Amino acid sequence: MTSVPTPIPSRTQYVLEEIKRRILTGRLTPGQALVETELAAQFGVSKTPVREALKTLAGTGLVVMSQYKGVTVRMVDADMAREVYDVRLLLEPEALKRAVRRGASLDAARDALTRADDATDTAERSLANREFHRSLYLPCGNPLLGRMLDEVRDQAALVSAVAWAASPSWEREAGEHREILRLALEGDADGAARALHAHIASFVERAFPGVLDEEGQE
């Protein structure tokens, strides 16, 4: 029999999404301690939903649980960026290529691009950019491939948040997004995949110079 995932209680889900949002928009910074009692007071809940939310976030790689240091927001370094973006470079362009070749609708990607252009703050723009990328790979026709990319989605967003805080590059990335979508809508699967690969590679290279060269030398 196929096991059915246990639903997350609503309070835990609320705390989970709020902590995640704060991490991915830079309100909670890498290395910052996440104290159960403080978070419980902020959210008006007991420590139990906070504890469960932190366990889930540890599973997705956004926080680190240590016997000695407690729970902290995961630090972003070149090793983490290389691991996460290597997976994206291997899988995301291929997923987009498959989506284009099967004639999948990219309306959601177009909508996300519009939301990013219209965003009035970093949080809105970040969420819209995340949805843009997901809308490109999700209709690839292979649910497992989509889930594999979903697995690194939050960690990739954490890398992006740190990079944007150090050097905002929204306009450049928005232009690259428009070019990727244009090629995809024209049915140029290979061209769209190449543009997406270049977009992902150039971003992580700007944030962590030489990180992809290190990957190639290993």
Protein backbone atom coordinates (compact mmCIF):
# COMPACT_ATOMS: atom_id res chain seq x y z
CA MET A 1 0.00 0.00 0.00
CA THR A 2 1.11 3.56 -0.72
CA SER A 3 1.55 5.55 2.49
CA VAL A 4 -0.35 8.82 2.75
CA PRO A 5 1.63 11.79 4.16
CA THR A 6 0.36 12.97 7.53
CA PRO A 7 -1.23 16.42 7.17
CA ILE A 8 0.60 19.23 8.97
CA PRO A 9 -1.62 20.89 11.63
CA SER A 10 -2.75 24.39 10.64
CA ARG A 11 -0.84 26.19 13.40
CA THR A 12 2.35 24.36 12.52
CA GLN A 13 1.80 25.15 8.84
CA TYR A 14 1.30 28.84 9.62
CA VAL A 15 4.48 29.00 11.70
CA LEU A 16 6.38 27.02 9.07
CA GLU A 17 5.39 29.32 6.21
CA GLU A 18 6.08 32.48 8.21
CA ILE A 19 9.56 31.40 9.33
CA LYS A 20 10.34 30.30 5.77
CA ARG A 21 9.15 33.65 4.40
CA ARG A 22 11.31 35.55 6.88
CA ILE A 23 14.37 33.47 5.97
CA LEU A 24 13.88 33.77 2.21
CA THR A 25 13.29 37.52 2.34
CA GLY A 26 16.30 38.19 4.58
CA ARG A 27 14.47 39.12 7.78
CA LEU A 28 16.09 36.12 9.40
CA THR A 29 19.72 35.95 8.31
CA PRO A 30 22.10 32.99 7.92
CA GLY A 31 23.54 31.95 11.26
CA GLN A 32 20.78 33.67 13.26
CA ALA A 33 19.50 31.68 16.23
CA LEU A 34 15.87 30.55 16.17
CA VAL A 35 14.69 30.28 19.77
CA GLU A 36 11.48 28.30 20.27
CA THR A 37 10.17 30.42 23.14
CA GLU A 38 10.77 33.69 21.28
CA LEU A 39 9.13 32.44 18.10
CA ALA A 40 6.18 31.00 20.01
CA ALA A 41 5.61 34.40 21.65
CA GLN A 42 5.85 36.21 18.31
CA PHE A 43 3.32 33.92 16.66
CA GLY A 44 1.02 33.55 19.66
CA VAL A 45 1.30 29.76 19.78
CA SER A 46 2.78 27.14 22.09
CA LYS A 47 6.28 25.78 21.54
CA THR A 48 4.97 22.56 19.97
CA PRO A 49 4.02 23.94 16.51
CA VAL A 50 7.26 25.96 16.49
CA ARG A 51 9.30 22.84 17.26
CA GLU A 52 7.53 20.84 14.53
CA ALA A 53 7.95 23.67 12.01
CA LEU A 54 11.68 23.88 12.74
CA LYS A 55 12.06 20.12 12.27
CA THR A 56 10.39 20.38 8.86
CA LEU A 57 12.61 23.32 7.87
CA ALA A 58 15.68 21.35 8.93
CA GLY A 59 14.55 18.59 6.57
CA THR A 60 14.39 21.04 3.67
CA GLY A 61 17.84 22.42 4.46
CA LEU A 62 16.83 25.94 5.51
CA VAL A 63 17.80 25.58 9.17
CA VAL A 64 20.37 23.56 11.07
CA MET A 65 19.67 21.80 14.36
CA SER A 66 22.65 21.34 16.69
CA GLN A 67 22.79 19.72 20.11
CA TYR A 68 25.07 22.52 21.29
CA LYS A 69 24.02 25.61 19.32
CA GLY A 70 20.31 24.94 19.07
CA VAL A 71 18.54 25.87 15.83
CA THR A 72 20.01 28.42 13.44
CA VAL A 73 19.32 29.63 9.92
CA ARG A 74 21.60 27.72 7.59
CA MET A 75 24.79 29.51 6.59
CA VAL A 76 25.33 30.02 2.87
CA ASP A 77 28.81 29.34 1.54
CA ALA A 78 30.41 28.33 -1.74
CA ASP A 79 30.06 24.62 -0.99
CA MET A 80 26.31 24.90 -0.42
CA ALA A 81 25.87 27.08 -3.51
CA ARG A 82 27.84 24.62 -5.63
CA GLU A 83 25.81 21.62 -4.47
CA VAL A 84 22.43 23.28 -4.96
CA TYR A 85 23.18 24.99 -8.25
CA ASP A 86 24.89 21.92 -9.70
CA VAL A 87 21.58 20.06 -9.27
CA ARG A 88 19.68 22.96 -10.85
CA LEU A 89 22.06 23.13 -13.81
CA LEU A 90 21.75 19.40 -14.42
CA LEU A 91 17.97 19.13 -14.12
CA GLU A 92 16.19 22.45 -14.66
CA PRO A 93 17.15 23.09 -18.31
CA GLU A 94 16.24 19.50 -19.19
CA ALA A 95 12.86 19.87 -17.50
CA LEU A 96 12.15 23.07 -19.42
CA LYS A 97 13.19 21.44 -22.68
CA ARG A 98 10.73 18.62 -22.07
CA ALA A 99 7.95 21.04 -21.14
CA VAL A 100 8.42 22.99 -24.38
CA ARG A 101 8.63 19.87 -26.54
CA ARG A 102 5.37 18.52 -25.15
CA GLY A 103 3.63 21.84 -25.79
CA ALA A 104 2.85 22.48 -22.12
CA SER A 105 1.11 25.71 -21.15
CA LEU A 106 3.47 28.36 -19.81
CA ASP A 107 0.75 30.79 -18.77
CA ALA A 108 1.77 30.45 -15.12
CA ALA A 109 5.34 31.46 -16.00
CA ARG A 110 4.06 34.51 -17.89
CA ASP A 111 1.87 35.48 -14.92
CA ALA A 112 4.78 35.08 -12.49
CA LEU A 113 6.96 37.28 -14.70
CA THR A 114 4.30 39.99 -14.64
CA ARG A 115 4.04 39.76 -10.85
CA ALA A 116 7.81 40.10 -10.53
CA ASP A 117 7.79 43.20 -12.75
CA ASP A 118 4.94 44.72 -10.71
CA ALA A 119 6.40 43.82 -7.31
CA THR A 120 6.83 46.68 -4.87
CA ASP A 121 9.19 44.99 -2.43
CA THR A 122 11.88 42.33 -2.24
CA ALA A 123 9.58 39.70 -0.72
CA GLU A 124 7.03 39.93 -3.55
CA ARG A 125 9.71 39.90 -6.23
CA SER A 126 11.50 36.94 -4.67
CA LEU A 127 8.31 34.87 -4.45
CA ALA A 128 7.35 35.72 -8.03
CA ASN A 129 10.81 34.74 -9.30
CA ARG A 130 10.58 31.42 -7.47
CA GLU A 131 7.20 30.77 -9.09
CA PHE A 132 8.55 31.70 -12.52
CA HIS A 133 11.25 29.03 -12.36
CA ARG A 134 8.86 26.44 -10.93
CA SER A 135 6.33 27.17 -13.68
CA LEU A 136 8.99 26.35 -16.26
CA TYR A 137 9.99 22.96 -14.89
CA LEU A 138 6.78 21.65 -13.33
CA PRO A 139 4.94 20.84 -16.62
CA CYS A 140 7.87 18.71 -17.87
CA GLY A 141 5.70 15.58 -17.90
CA ASN A 142 7.79 13.75 -15.29
CA PRO A 143 6.41 14.27 -11.75
CA LEU A 144 9.54 12.80 -10.16
CA LEU A 145 11.76 15.30 -11.97
CA GLY A 146 9.53 18.11 -10.74
CA ARG A 147 9.69 16.84 -7.16
CA MET A 148 13.48 16.56 -7.32
CA LEU A 149 13.72 20.21 -8.30
CA ASP A 150 11.19 21.15 -5.62
CA GLU A 151 13.52 19.50 -3.09
CA VAL A 152 16.28 22.08 -3.73
CA ARG A 153 13.93 25.01 -4.34
CA ASP A 154 14.09 26.49 -0.85
CA GLN A 155 17.85 26.10 -0.59
CA ALA A 156 18.28 27.80 -3.96
CA ALA A 157 16.08 30.65 -2.73
CA LEU A 158 18.25 31.02 0.38
CA VAL A 159 21.36 31.33 -1.79
CA SER A 160 19.52 33.91 -3.91
CA ALA A 161 18.43 35.92 -0.87
CA VAL A 162 22.02 36.18 0.36
CA ALA A 163 23.27 37.11 -3.11
CA TRP A 164 20.59 39.77 -3.65
CA ALA A 165 21.29 41.31 -0.24
CA ALA A 166 24.95 41.71 -1.19
CA SER A 167 24.42 42.81 -4.79
CA PRO A 168 20.87 43.34 -6.16
CA SER A 169 20.62 42.20 -9.78
CA TRP A 170 16.85 42.15 -10.32
CA GLU A 171 16.81 44.01 -13.63
CA ARG A 172 19.41 41.80 -15.27
CA GLU A 173 17.63 38.66 -14.16
CA ALA A 174 14.25 39.99 -15.27
CA GLY A 175 15.64 40.53 -18.76
CA GLU A 176 17.04 37.00 -18.82
CA HIS A 177 13.70 35.63 -17.64
CA ARG A 178 11.90 37.40 -20.49
CA GLU A 179 14.34 35.94 -23.03
CA ILE A 180 13.94 32.41 -21.64
CA LEU A 181 10.15 32.69 -21.80
CA ARG A 182 10.24 34.18 -25.31
CA LEU A 183 12.26 31.23 -26.62
CA ALA A 184 10.03 28.74 -24.83
CA LEU A 185 6.84 30.30 -26.20
CA GLU A 186 8.32 30.20 -29.71
CA GLY A 187 8.82 26.46 -29.30
CA ASP A 188 12.64 26.65 -29.27
CA ALA A 189 13.21 23.97 -26.64
CA ASP A 190 16.98 23.79 -27.05
CA GLY A 191 17.40 27.56 -27.15
CA ALA A 192 15.26 28.04 -24.05
CA ALA A 193 17.19 25.34 -22.20
CA ARG A 194 20.53 26.93 -23.14
CA ALA A 195 19.32 30.36 -22.04
CA LEU A 196 18.09 28.94 -18.72
CA HIS A 197 21.39 27.14 -18.14
CA ALA A 198 23.33 30.35 -18.83
CA HIS A 199 20.98 32.32 -16.53
CA ILE A 200 21.42 29.94 -13.59
CA ALA A 201 25.19 29.63 -14.11
CA SER A 202 25.80 33.37 -14.41
CA PHE A 203 23.81 34.10 -11.25
CA VAL A 204 25.71 31.71 -8.99
CA GLU A 205 29.00 32.75 -10.59
CA ARG A 206 28.30 36.40 -9.76
CA ALA A 207 27.39 35.50 -6.19
CA PHE A 208 30.27 33.06 -5.65
CA PRO A 209 33.01 33.73 -8.24
CA GLY A 210 34.82 30.57 -9.33
CA VAL A 211 32.34 28.19 -7.70
CA LEU A 212 31.49 26.43 -10.98
CA ASP A 213 35.16 26.18 -11.92
CA GLU A 214 35.75 24.38 -8.63
CA GLU A 215 32.97 21.94 -9.52
CA GLY A 216 34.63 21.17 -12.83
CA GLN A 217 37.98 20.47 -11.16
CA GLU A 218 36.66 17.88 -8.73
